[in-house]
Amino acid sequence: MQDYILRAIAGQGSVRIFAANTKNLVGNAAKIHQSMPAATVALGRTLTAAAMMGATLKNDTDVLTIDIRGNGPLGGVFAVANSKSQVKGYTMNPLCDIPRKPNGKTDVSGAIGIGVLTVTKDMGLKEPVSGQVELVSGEIAEDITYYFDVSEQTPSGVTLGVLVDRDYSVRQAGGIILQLMPDAKDEIVARIEKIWPTLPAVTTLLEEGRTVEDMLYMLFDDVEILDTIYPEYACNCSREKTAAALKSVGFKELRKILEEDKGANMHCHFCDSNYVFEEQDIMHMIAEYVQAVLG
């Protein structure tokens, strides 16, 4: 089944909800990075959150990043999303795997450790807009909830889940983001406070065969679905873009690369692609610099 995100309103229009099934995109990420379970779960939760948050962006050129840095063995998680919920990401240590918690769940907080979460939105302004909070649990959903409350001052509920099978493939993945609008009535707030803590884990619901629509109607009776978005794992790197990045290091650094390494091997962290630039490629870049100076 194709991944999808539903954007909806409920609670007499006073609640905004995003609900997602992201099994395929998380599975693709795990295959690309050949990640161990703990890393897969951490990356999958972050990618799922980024895909839903990306759906809030208005313009095609807008970009959102989630950067989680911790002192645990995973090191950190990084995810990028655009307004179409096309996402990409990586962990600093994809081979990270630690013992499960006593309840059998993946110990994502232990893998990430103590650190900070930064969300950056590049919306074509002079400077990107960023918000940073300390990690409150390292479980990612709770940390993003805290970010919404503190940095965006939007009362929110976030739940994220990734279930990894015995062969390390992704069995289920998805999430929900629920946000209260400023005009939310007390009875709506009371309903959320009663139902949200009792909502089963997203992966449990998906394992039971529940759909994204089912998740919405478990929360509210008056759900109005506004849009369906089809997220995917997509890296937009290319040899041309990588060459431009390499050339941007400047004339002196290119001369150093030519003299010491006789070329360069550029690696994309998002899709694991390698771009090899031979000695003649570096010489061509240097020649372009010289030509630009001489006019």
C-alpha atoms as a PDB file:
ATOM      1  CA  MET A   1       0.000   0.000   0.000  1.00  0.00           C
ATOM      2  CA  GLN A   2       1.193   3.504  -0.825  1.00  0.00           C
ATOM      3  CA  ASP A   3       2.266   5.784   2.008  1.00  0.00           C
ATOM      4  CA  TYR A   4      -0.042   8.699   2.691  1.00  0.00           C
ATOM      5  CA  ILE A   5      -0.685  11.574   5.062  1.00  0.00           C
ATOM      6  CA  LEU A   6      -4.134  12.958   5.819  1.00  0.00           C
ATOM      7  CA  ARG A   7      -4.488  16.606   6.735  1.00  0.00           C
ATOM      8  CA  ALA A   8      -7.699  17.202   8.625  1.00  0.00           C
ATOM      9  CA  ILE A   9      -9.571  19.405  11.063  1.00  0.00           C
ATOM     10  CA  ALA A  10     -11.899  18.309  13.860  1.00  0.00           C
ATOM     11  CA  GLY A  11     -13.382  19.502  17.129  1.00  0.00           C
ATOM     12  CA  GLN A  12     -15.641  21.998  15.382  1.00  0.00           C
ATOM     13  CA  GLY A  13     -12.671  23.228  13.392  1.00  0.00           C
ATOM     14  CA  SER A  14     -10.552  23.997  16.442  1.00  0.00           C
ATOM     15  CA  VAL A  15      -8.100  21.095  16.045  1.00  0.00           C
ATOM     16  CA  ARG A  16      -5.636  20.489  13.231  1.00  0.00           C
ATOM     17  CA  ILE A  17      -4.519  16.901  12.681  1.00  0.00           C
ATOM     18  CA  PHE A  18      -1.945  15.162  10.514  1.00  0.00           C
ATOM     19  CA  ALA A  19      -1.997  11.363  10.458  1.00  0.00           C
ATOM     20  CA  ALA A  20       0.392   9.240   8.430  1.00  0.00           C
ATOM     21  CA  ASN A  21       1.369   5.771   7.292  1.00  0.00           C
ATOM     22  CA  THR A  22       5.050   5.945   6.299  1.00  0.00           C
ATOM     23  CA  LYS A  23       6.062   2.296   6.133  1.00  0.00           C
ATOM     24  CA  ASN A  24       7.548   2.467   2.627  1.00  0.00           C
ATOM     25  CA  LEU A  25       9.591   5.638   3.004  1.00  0.00           C
ATOM     26  CA  VAL A  26      11.024   4.501   6.340  1.00  0.00           C
ATOM     27  CA  GLY A  27      11.739   1.091   4.834  1.00  0.00           C
ATOM     28  CA  ASN A  28      13.559   2.708   1.913  1.00  0.00           C
ATOM     29  CA  ALA A  29      15.648   4.792   4.300  1.00  0.00           C
ATOM     30  CA  ALA A  30      16.587   1.711   6.324  1.00  0.00           C
ATOM     31  CA  LYS A  31      17.684  -0.118   3.162  1.00  0.00           C
ATOM     32  CA  ILE A  32      19.752   2.814   1.906  1.00  0.00           C
ATOM     33  CA  HIS A  33      21.560   3.254   5.203  1.00  0.00           C
ATOM     34  CA  GLN A  34      21.616  -0.474   6.082  1.00  0.00           C
ATOM     35  CA  SER A  35      20.739   0.597   9.601  1.00  0.00           C
ATOM     36  CA  MET A  36      20.402  -1.480  12.729  1.00  0.00           C
ATOM     37  CA  PRO A  37      17.037  -1.484  14.577  1.00  0.00           C
ATOM     38  CA  ALA A  38      17.689   1.332  17.066  1.00  0.00           C
ATOM     39  CA  ALA A  39      18.975   3.603  14.313  1.00  0.00           C
ATOM     40  CA  THR A  40      16.081   2.625  12.033  1.00  0.00           C
ATOM     41  CA  VAL A  41      13.487   3.477  14.678  1.00  0.00           C
ATOM     42  CA  ALA A  42      15.098   6.829  15.518  1.00  0.00           C
ATOM     43  CA  LEU A  43      15.470   7.792  11.865  1.00  0.00           C
ATOM     44  CA  GLY A  44      11.998   6.530  10.962  1.00  0.00           C
ATOM     45  CA  ARG A  45      10.309   8.525  13.706  1.00  0.00           C
ATOM     46  CA  THR A  46      12.184  11.667  12.676  1.00  0.00           C
ATOM     47  CA  LEU A  47      11.416  11.201   8.972  1.00  0.00           C
ATOM     48  CA  THR A  48       7.737  10.638   9.744  1.00  0.00           C
ATOM     49  CA  ALA A  49       7.586  13.801  11.837  1.00  0.00           C
ATOM     50  CA  ALA A  50       9.400  15.753   9.131  1.00  0.00           C
ATOM     51  CA  ALA A  51       7.007  14.504   6.445  1.00  0.00           C
ATOM     52  CA  MET A  52       3.963  15.658   8.438  1.00  0.00           C
ATOM     53  CA  MET A  53       5.554  18.966   9.403  1.00  0.00           C
ATOM     54  CA  GLY A  54       6.629  19.521   5.809  1.00  0.00           C
ATOM     55  CA  ALA A  55       2.968  19.423   4.828  1.00  0.00           C
ATOM     56  CA  THR A  56       2.508  22.695   6.743  1.00  0.00           C
ATOM     57  CA  LEU A  57       4.881  24.563   4.404  1.00  0.00           C
ATOM     58  CA  LYS A  58       3.204  26.794   1.855  1.00  0.00           C
ATOM     59  CA  ASN A  59       5.642  27.235  -1.033  1.00  0.00           C
ATOM     60  CA  ASP A  60       7.325  24.699  -3.295  1.00  0.00           C
ATOM     61  CA  THR A  61      10.756  26.057  -2.380  1.00  0.00           C
ATOM     62  CA  ASP A  62      10.202  25.944   1.401  1.00  0.00           C
ATOM     63  CA  VAL A  63      12.340  23.452   3.322  1.00  0.00           C
ATOM     64  CA  LEU A  64      12.125  22.183   6.906  1.00  0.00           C
ATOM     65  CA  THR A  65      14.903  20.412   8.785  1.00  0.00           C
ATOM     66  CA  ILE A  66      14.878  18.497  12.062  1.00  0.00           C
ATOM     67  CA  ASP A  67      18.305  18.187  13.666  1.00  0.00           C
ATOM     68  CA  ILE A  68      18.611  16.064  16.816  1.00  0.00           C
ATOM     69  CA  ARG A  69      22.014  15.932  18.508  1.00  0.00           C
ATOM     70  CA  GLY A  70      22.744  13.825  21.566  1.00  0.00           C
ATOM     71  CA  ASN A  71      25.612  12.332  23.559  1.00  0.00           C
ATOM     72  CA  GLY A  72      24.414   8.741  23.097  1.00  0.00           C
ATOM     73  CA  PRO A  73      25.913   6.128  20.751  1.00  0.00           C
ATOM     74  CA  LEU A  74      23.625   7.173  17.885  1.00  0.00           C
ATOM     75  CA  GLY A  75      25.146  10.651  17.889  1.00  0.00           C
ATOM     76  CA  GLY A  76      22.208  12.325  16.214  1.00  0.00           C
ATOM     77  CA  VAL A  77      19.478  12.242  13.577  1.00  0.00           C
ATOM     78  CA  PHE A  78      18.927  14.653  10.694  1.00  0.00           C
ATOM     79  CA  ALA A  79      15.875  14.927   8.422  1.00  0.00           C
ATOM     80  CA  VAL A  80      14.852  17.314   5.649  1.00  0.00           C
ATOM     81  CA  ALA A  81      11.370  17.765   4.171  1.00  0.00           C
ATOM     82  CA  ASN A  82       9.763  19.975   1.549  1.00  0.00           C
ATOM     83  CA  SER A  83       6.152  21.107   1.130  1.00  0.00           C
ATOM     84  CA  LYS A  84       5.322  17.923  -0.827  1.00  0.00           C
ATOM     85  CA  SER A  85       6.465  15.793   2.128  1.00  0.00           C
ATOM     86  CA  GLN A  86       9.410  14.466   0.183  1.00  0.00           C
ATOM     87  CA  VAL A  87      11.929  13.623   2.874  1.00  0.00           C
ATOM     88  CA  LYS A  88      15.506  12.497   3.293  1.00  0.00           C
ATOM     89  CA  GLY A  89      17.673  11.935   6.325  1.00  0.00           C
ATOM     90  CA  TYR A  90      20.414  10.032   8.069  1.00  0.00           C
ATOM     91  CA  THR A  91      21.785   9.087  11.468  1.00  0.00           C
ATOM     92  CA  MET A  92      25.366   9.714  12.511  1.00  0.00           C
ATOM     93  CA  ASN A  93      25.757   6.051  13.452  1.00  0.00           C
ATOM     94  CA  PRO A  94      23.426   3.795  11.411  1.00  0.00           C
ATOM     95  CA  LEU A  95      25.012   0.718  12.993  1.00  0.00           C
ATOM     96  CA  CYS A  96      23.927   1.801  16.469  1.00  0.00           C
ATOM     97  CA  ASP A  97      21.905  -0.839  18.282  1.00  0.00           C
ATOM     98  CA  ILE A  98      21.551  -1.150  22.026  1.00  0.00           C
ATOM     99  CA  PRO A  99      19.637  -3.546  24.293  1.00  0.00           C
ATOM    100  CA  ARG A 100      15.877  -3.135  24.375  1.00  0.00           C
ATOM    101  CA  LYS A 101      14.058  -1.723  27.368  1.00  0.00           C
ATOM    102  CA  PRO A 102      12.668  -4.178  29.958  1.00  0.00           C
ATOM    103  CA  ASN A 103       9.249  -3.828  28.281  1.00  0.00           C
ATOM    104  CA  GLY A 104      10.721  -5.009  24.977  1.00  0.00           C
ATOM    105  CA  LYS A 105      10.587  -1.647  23.230  1.00  0.00           C
ATOM    106  CA  THR A 106      13.482  -0.082  21.341  1.00  0.00           C
ATOM    107  CA  ASP A 107      15.499   2.203  23.600  1.00  0.00           C
ATOM    108  CA  VAL A 108      15.632   5.271  21.344  1.00  0.00           C
ATOM    109  CA  SER A 109      16.246   7.631  24.272  1.00  0.00           C
ATOM    110  CA  GLY A 110      19.255   5.563  25.314  1.00  0.00           C
ATOM    111  CA  ALA A 111      20.592   5.640  21.758  1.00  0.00           C
ATOM    112  CA  ILE A 112      20.244   9.421  21.455  1.00  0.00           C
ATOM    113  CA  GLY A 113      21.133  10.451  24.996  1.00  0.00           C
ATOM    114  CA  ILE A 114      21.062  14.004  26.341  1.00  0.00           C
ATOM    115  CA  GLY A 115      21.049  16.788  23.791  1.00  0.00           C
ATOM    116  CA  VAL A 116      19.061  19.309  21.778  1.00  0.00           C
ATOM    117  CA  LEU A 117      16.462  19.365  19.017  1.00  0.00           C
ATOM    118  CA  THR A 118      16.536  22.110  16.394  1.00  0.00           C
ATOM    119  CA  VAL A 119      13.834  22.757  13.817  1.00  0.00           C
ATOM    120  CA  THR A 120      14.701  25.117  10.969  1.00  0.00           C
ATOM    121  CA  LYS A 121      12.347  26.463   8.321  1.00  0.00           C
ATOM    122  CA  ASP A 122      13.834  28.036   5.192  1.00  0.00           C
ATOM    123  CA  MET A 123      10.958  29.922   3.592  1.00  0.00           C
ATOM    124  CA  GLY A 124      12.863  32.226   1.268  1.00  0.00           C
ATOM    125  CA  LEU A 125      13.313  35.001   3.822  1.00  0.00           C
ATOM    126  CA  LYS A 126      16.623  36.737   4.505  1.00  0.00           C
ATOM    127  CA  GLU A 127      17.380  34.216   7.240  1.00  0.00           C
ATOM    128  CA  PRO A 128      15.882  30.793   8.015  1.00  0.00           C
ATOM    129  CA  VAL A 129      13.656  30.609  11.093  1.00  0.00           C
ATOM    130  CA  SER A 130      14.952  28.262  13.792  1.00  0.00           C
ATOM    131  CA  GLY A 131      13.776  27.019  17.151  1.00  0.00           C
ATOM    132  CA  GLN A 132      15.798  24.918  19.568  1.00  0.00           C
ATOM    133  CA  VAL A 133      14.849  23.027  22.711  1.00  0.00           C
ATOM    134  CA  GLU A 134      16.590  20.608  25.012  1.00  0.00           C
ATOM    135  CA  LEU A 135      15.566  16.989  24.615  1.00  0.00           C
ATOM    136  CA  VAL A 136      13.032  16.090  27.271  1.00  0.00           C
ATOM    137  CA  SER A 137      13.116  12.340  26.690  1.00  0.00           C
ATOM    138  CA  GLY A 138      15.048  11.445  23.550  1.00  0.00           C
ATOM    139  CA  GLU A 139      12.016   9.481  22.358  1.00  0.00           C
ATOM    140  CA  ILE A 140      11.504  12.095  19.588  1.00  0.00           C
ATOM    141  CA  ALA A 141       7.690  12.370  19.742  1.00  0.00           C
ATOM    142  CA  GLU A 142       7.816  13.911  23.212  1.00  0.00           C
ATOM    143  CA  ASP A 143      10.675  16.155  22.142  1.00  0.00           C
ATOM    144  CA  ILE A 144       8.783  17.470  19.113  1.00  0.00           C
ATOM    145  CA  THR A 145       5.722  18.001  21.301  1.00  0.00           C
ATOM    146  CA  TYR A 146       7.884  20.111  23.602  1.00  0.00           C
ATOM    147  CA  TYR A 147       9.270  22.023  20.608  1.00  0.00           C
ATOM    148  CA  PHE A 148       5.743  22.908  19.432  1.00  0.00           C
ATOM    149  CA  ASP A 149       4.769  24.052  22.919  1.00  0.00           C
ATOM    150  CA  VAL A 150       7.878  26.146  23.558  1.00  0.00           C
ATOM    151  CA  SER A 151       9.089  27.410  20.173  1.00  0.00           C
ATOM    152  CA  GLU A 152       5.817  27.680  18.262  1.00  0.00           C
ATOM    153  CA  GLN A 153       3.591  28.132  21.314  1.00  0.00           C
ATOM    154  CA  THR A 154       1.110  25.659  19.880  1.00  0.00           C
ATOM    155  CA  PRO A 155      -0.324  23.064  22.290  1.00  0.00           C
ATOM    156  CA  SER A 156       0.204  19.771  20.511  1.00  0.00           C
ATOM    157  CA  GLY A 157       0.189  16.018  20.791  1.00  0.00           C
ATOM    158  CA  VAL A 158       2.671  13.946  18.796  1.00  0.00           C
ATOM    159  CA  THR A 159       2.910  10.190  18.519  1.00  0.00           C
ATOM    160  CA  LEU A 160       5.376   8.396  16.255  1.00  0.00           C
ATOM    161  CA  GLY A 161       6.086   4.734  15.748  1.00  0.00           C
ATOM    162  CA  VAL A 162       8.342   2.364  13.815  1.00  0.00           C
ATOM    163  CA  LEU A 163       8.166  -1.408  14.137  1.00  0.00           C
ATOM    164  CA  VAL A 164      11.226  -3.319  12.931  1.00  0.00           C
ATOM    165  CA  ASP A 165      10.869  -6.978  11.993  1.00  0.00           C
ATOM    166  CA  ARG A 166      13.283  -9.762  12.916  1.00  0.00           C
ATOM    167  CA  ASP A 167      15.078  -9.437   9.561  1.00  0.00           C
ATOM    168  CA  TYR A 168      15.596  -5.708  10.281  1.00  0.00           C
ATOM    169  CA  SER A 169      13.040  -4.676   7.664  1.00  0.00           C
ATOM    170  CA  VAL A 170      10.412  -2.084   8.543  1.00  0.00           C
ATOM    171  CA  ARG A 171       7.140  -3.779   9.388  1.00  0.00           C
ATOM    172  CA  GLN A 172       5.085  -0.669  10.259  1.00  0.00           C
ATOM    173  CA  ALA A 173       5.656   3.082  10.533  1.00  0.00           C
ATOM    174  CA  GLY A 174       3.435   6.084  11.031  1.00  0.00           C
ATOM    175  CA  GLY A 175       2.467   8.970  13.246  1.00  0.00           C
ATOM    176  CA  ILE A 176      -0.054  11.580  14.318  1.00  0.00           C
ATOM    177  CA  ILE A 177       0.351  15.288  15.042  1.00  0.00           C
ATOM    178  CA  LEU A 178      -2.599  16.979  16.744  1.00  0.00           C
ATOM    179  CA  GLN A 179      -2.625  20.721  17.374  1.00  0.00           C
ATOM    180  CA  LEU A 180      -5.069  22.975  19.181  1.00  0.00           C
ATOM    181  CA  MET A 181      -6.102  26.207  17.501  1.00  0.00           C
ATOM    182  CA  PRO A 182      -6.338  29.370  19.645  1.00  0.00           C
ATOM    183  CA  ASP A 183     -10.160  29.242  19.638  1.00  0.00           C
ATOM    184  CA  ALA A 184     -10.420  25.684  20.975  1.00  0.00           C
ATOM    185  CA  LYS A 185     -13.219  25.406  23.517  1.00  0.00           C
ATOM    186  CA  ASP A 186     -12.729  23.927  26.964  1.00  0.00           C
ATOM    187  CA  GLU A 187     -14.797  20.829  26.159  1.00  0.00           C
ATOM    188  CA  ILE A 188     -12.575  20.067  23.152  1.00  0.00           C
ATOM    189  CA  VAL A 189      -9.464  20.421  25.280  1.00  0.00           C
ATOM    190  CA  ALA A 190     -11.018  18.167  27.922  1.00  0.00           C
ATOM    191  CA  ARG A 191     -11.861  15.531  25.296  1.00  0.00           C
ATOM    192  CA  ILE A 192      -8.290  15.486  23.988  1.00  0.00           C
ATOM    193  CA  GLU A 193      -6.850  15.281  27.501  1.00  0.00           C
ATOM    194  CA  LYS A 194      -9.062  12.259  28.142  1.00  0.00           C
ATOM    195  CA  ILE A 195      -8.595  10.364  24.859  1.00  0.00           C
ATOM    196  CA  TRP A 196      -5.017  11.148  23.829  1.00  0.00           C
ATOM    197  CA  PRO A 197      -3.265   9.295  26.687  1.00  0.00           C
ATOM    198  CA  THR A 198      -5.371   6.171  26.016  1.00  0.00           C
ATOM    199  CA  LEU A 199      -4.709   6.046  22.273  1.00  0.00           C
ATOM    200  CA  PRO A 200      -2.840   2.815  21.400  1.00  0.00           C
ATOM    201  CA  ALA A 201       0.579   3.073  19.792  1.00  0.00           C
ATOM    202  CA  VAL A 202       0.486   3.874  16.080  1.00  0.00           C
ATOM    203  CA  THR A 203       2.315   0.665  15.187  1.00  0.00           C
ATOM    204  CA  THR A 204      -0.169  -1.345  17.259  1.00  0.00           C
ATOM    205  CA  LEU A 205      -3.049   0.176  15.310  1.00  0.00           C
ATOM    206  CA  LEU A 206      -1.338  -0.455  11.975  1.00  0.00           C
ATOM    207  CA  GLU A 207      -0.563  -4.056  12.966  1.00  0.00           C
ATOM    208  CA  GLU A 208      -4.257  -4.507  13.711  1.00  0.00           C
ATOM    209  CA  GLY A 209      -5.050  -3.408  10.175  1.00  0.00           C
ATOM    210  CA  ARG A 210      -6.324   0.027  11.145  1.00  0.00           C
ATOM    211  CA  THR A 211      -6.052   2.751   8.513  1.00  0.00           C
ATOM    212  CA  VAL A 212      -4.973   6.356   8.855  1.00  0.00           C
ATOM    213  CA  GLU A 213      -8.657   7.287   8.623  1.00  0.00           C
ATOM    214  CA  ASP A 214      -9.405   4.970  11.536  1.00  0.00           C
ATOM    215  CA  MET A 215      -6.845   6.807  13.642  1.00  0.00           C
ATOM    216  CA  LEU A 216      -8.574  10.121  12.991  1.00  0.00           C
ATOM    217  CA  TYR A 217     -12.021   8.828  13.892  1.00  0.00           C
ATOM    218  CA  MET A 218     -10.700   7.252  17.079  1.00  0.00           C
ATOM    219  CA  LEU A 219      -9.985  10.808  18.196  1.00  0.00           C
ATOM    220  CA  PHE A 220     -13.005  12.724  16.868  1.00  0.00           C
ATOM    221  CA  ASP A 221     -16.407  12.087  15.320  1.00  0.00           C
ATOM    222  CA  ASP A 222     -16.501  15.285  13.282  1.00  0.00           C
ATOM    223  CA  VAL A 223     -13.322  14.808  11.247  1.00  0.00           C
ATOM    224  CA  GLU A 224     -13.103  16.761   7.999  1.00  0.00           C
ATOM    225  CA  ILE A 225     -10.324  15.512   5.731  1.00  0.00           C
ATOM    226  CA  LEU A 226      -8.837  18.453   3.835  1.00  0.00           C
ATOM    227  CA  ASP A 227      -6.073  16.869   1.825  1.00  0.00           C
ATOM    228  CA  THR A 228      -4.191  13.652   1.078  1.00  0.00           C
ATOM    229  CA  ILE A 229      -0.424  13.891   0.656  1.00  0.00           C
ATOM    230  CA  TYR A 230       1.791  11.097  -0.632  1.00  0.00           C
ATOM    231  CA  PRO A 231       5.174  11.281   1.110  1.00  0.00           C
ATOM    232  CA  GLU A 232       8.282   9.581  -0.193  1.00  0.00           C
ATOM    233  CA  TYR A 233      11.946   9.210   0.569  1.00  0.00           C
ATOM    234  CA  ALA A 234      13.691  11.274  -2.092  1.00  0.00           C
ATOM    235  CA  CYS A 235      17.208  12.680  -2.361  1.00  0.00           C
ATOM    236  CA  ASN A 236      17.757  15.435  -4.925  1.00  0.00           C
ATOM    237  CA  CYS A 237      21.527  15.191  -5.096  1.00  0.00           C
ATOM    238  CA  SER A 238      23.272  14.970  -8.492  1.00  0.00           C
ATOM    239  CA  ARG A 239      26.755  15.056  -9.924  1.00  0.00           C
ATOM    240  CA  GLU A 240      26.160  18.627 -11.115  1.00  0.00           C
ATOM    241  CA  LYS A 241      25.098  19.842  -7.640  1.00  0.00           C
ATOM    242  CA  THR A 242      27.976  17.999  -6.004  1.00  0.00           C
ATOM    243  CA  ALA A 243      30.446  19.501  -8.481  1.00  0.00           C
ATOM    244  CA  ALA A 244      29.111  22.972  -7.704  1.00  0.00           C
ATOM    245  CA  ALA A 245      29.561  22.328  -3.972  1.00  0.00           C
ATOM    246  CA  LEU A 246      33.108  21.100  -4.538  1.00  0.00           C
ATOM    247  CA  LYS A 247      33.958  24.107  -6.681  1.00  0.00           C
ATOM    248  CA  SER A 248      32.638  26.439  -3.967  1.00  0.00           C
ATOM    249  CA  VAL A 249      35.561  25.547  -1.668  1.00  0.00           C
ATOM    250  CA  GLY A 250      37.643  28.044  -3.644  1.00  0.00           C
ATOM    251  CA  PHE A 251      40.755  28.212  -5.783  1.00  0.00           C
ATOM    252  CA  LYS A 252      43.334  27.548  -3.052  1.00  0.00           C
ATOM    253  CA  GLU A 253      41.522  24.517  -1.670  1.00  0.00           C
ATOM    254  CA  LEU A 254      41.047  23.060  -5.149  1.00  0.00           C
ATOM    255  CA  ARG A 255      44.791  23.429  -5.811  1.00  0.00           C
ATOM    256  CA  LYS A 256      45.468  21.619  -2.538  1.00  0.00           C
ATOM    257  CA  ILE A 257      43.071  18.799  -3.522  1.00  0.00           C
ATOM    258  CA  LEU A 258      44.769  18.510  -6.902  1.00  0.00           C
ATOM    259  CA  GLU A 259      48.304  18.456  -5.515  1.00  0.00           C
ATOM    260  CA  GLU A 260      47.676  16.194  -2.500  1.00  0.00           C
ATOM    261  CA  ASP A 261      44.843  13.874  -3.531  1.00  0.00           C
ATOM    262  CA  LYS A 262      44.790  14.059  -7.333  1.00  0.00           C
ATOM    263  CA  GLY A 263      41.000  14.108  -7.177  1.00  0.00           C
ATOM    264  CA  ALA A 264      38.038  13.963  -4.804  1.00  0.00           C
ATOM    265  CA  ASN A 265      35.418  11.444  -3.720  1.00  0.00           C
ATOM    266  CA  MET A 266      32.197  13.113  -2.538  1.00  0.00           C
ATOM    267  CA  HIS A 267      29.654  11.096  -0.556  1.00  0.00           C
ATOM    268  CA  CYS A 268      25.963  11.919  -0.077  1.00  0.00           C
ATOM    269  CA  HIS A 269      24.850  11.103   3.468  1.00  0.00           C
ATOM    270  CA  PHE A 270      21.191  11.022   2.427  1.00  0.00           C
ATOM    271  CA  CYS A 271      21.230   8.414  -0.365  1.00  0.00           C
ATOM    272  CA  ASP A 272      24.692   6.852   0.018  1.00  0.00           C
ATOM    273  CA  SER A 273      25.735   7.929  -3.496  1.00  0.00           C
ATOM    274  CA  ASN A 274      29.410   8.523  -4.295  1.00  0.00           C
ATOM    275  CA  TYR A 275      30.597  11.056  -6.848  1.00  0.00           C
ATOM    276  CA  VAL A 276      34.188  10.653  -8.038  1.00  0.00           C
ATOM    277  CA  PHE A 277      36.014  13.657  -9.478  1.00  0.00           C
ATOM    278  CA  GLU A 278      39.227  12.719 -11.260  1.00  0.00           C
ATOM    279  CA  GLU A 279      42.351  14.816 -11.590  1.00  0.00           C
ATOM    280  CA  GLN A 280      41.171  16.292 -14.892  1.00  0.00           C
ATOM    281  CA  ASP A 281      37.838  17.305 -13.296  1.00  0.00           C
ATOM    282  CA  ILE A 282      39.638  19.302 -10.609  1.00  0.00           C
ATOM    283  CA  MET A 283      41.929  20.842 -13.233  1.00  0.00           C
ATOM    284  CA  HIS A 284      38.851  21.910 -15.206  1.00  0.00           C
ATOM    285  CA  MET A 285      37.378  23.606 -12.114  1.00  0.00           C
ATOM    286  CA  ILE A 286      40.644  25.447 -11.504  1.00  0.00           C
ATOM    287  CA  ALA A 287      40.737  26.528 -15.150  1.00  0.00           C
ATOM    288  CA  GLU A 288      37.232  27.957 -14.792  1.00  0.00           C
ATOM    289  CA  TYR A 289      38.431  30.041 -11.863  1.00  0.00           C
ATOM    290  CA  VAL A 290      41.397  31.351 -13.850  1.00  0.00           C
ATOM    291  CA  GLN A 291      39.189  32.156 -16.821  1.00  0.00           C
ATOM    292  CA  ALA A 292      36.757  34.042 -14.590  1.00  0.00           C
ATOM    293  CA  VAL A 293      39.610  36.150 -13.153  1.00  0.00           C
ATOM    294  CA  LEU A 294      41.092  36.922 -16.572  1.00  0.00           C
ATOM    295  CA  GLY A 295      37.697  37.761 -17.985  1.00  0.00           C
END
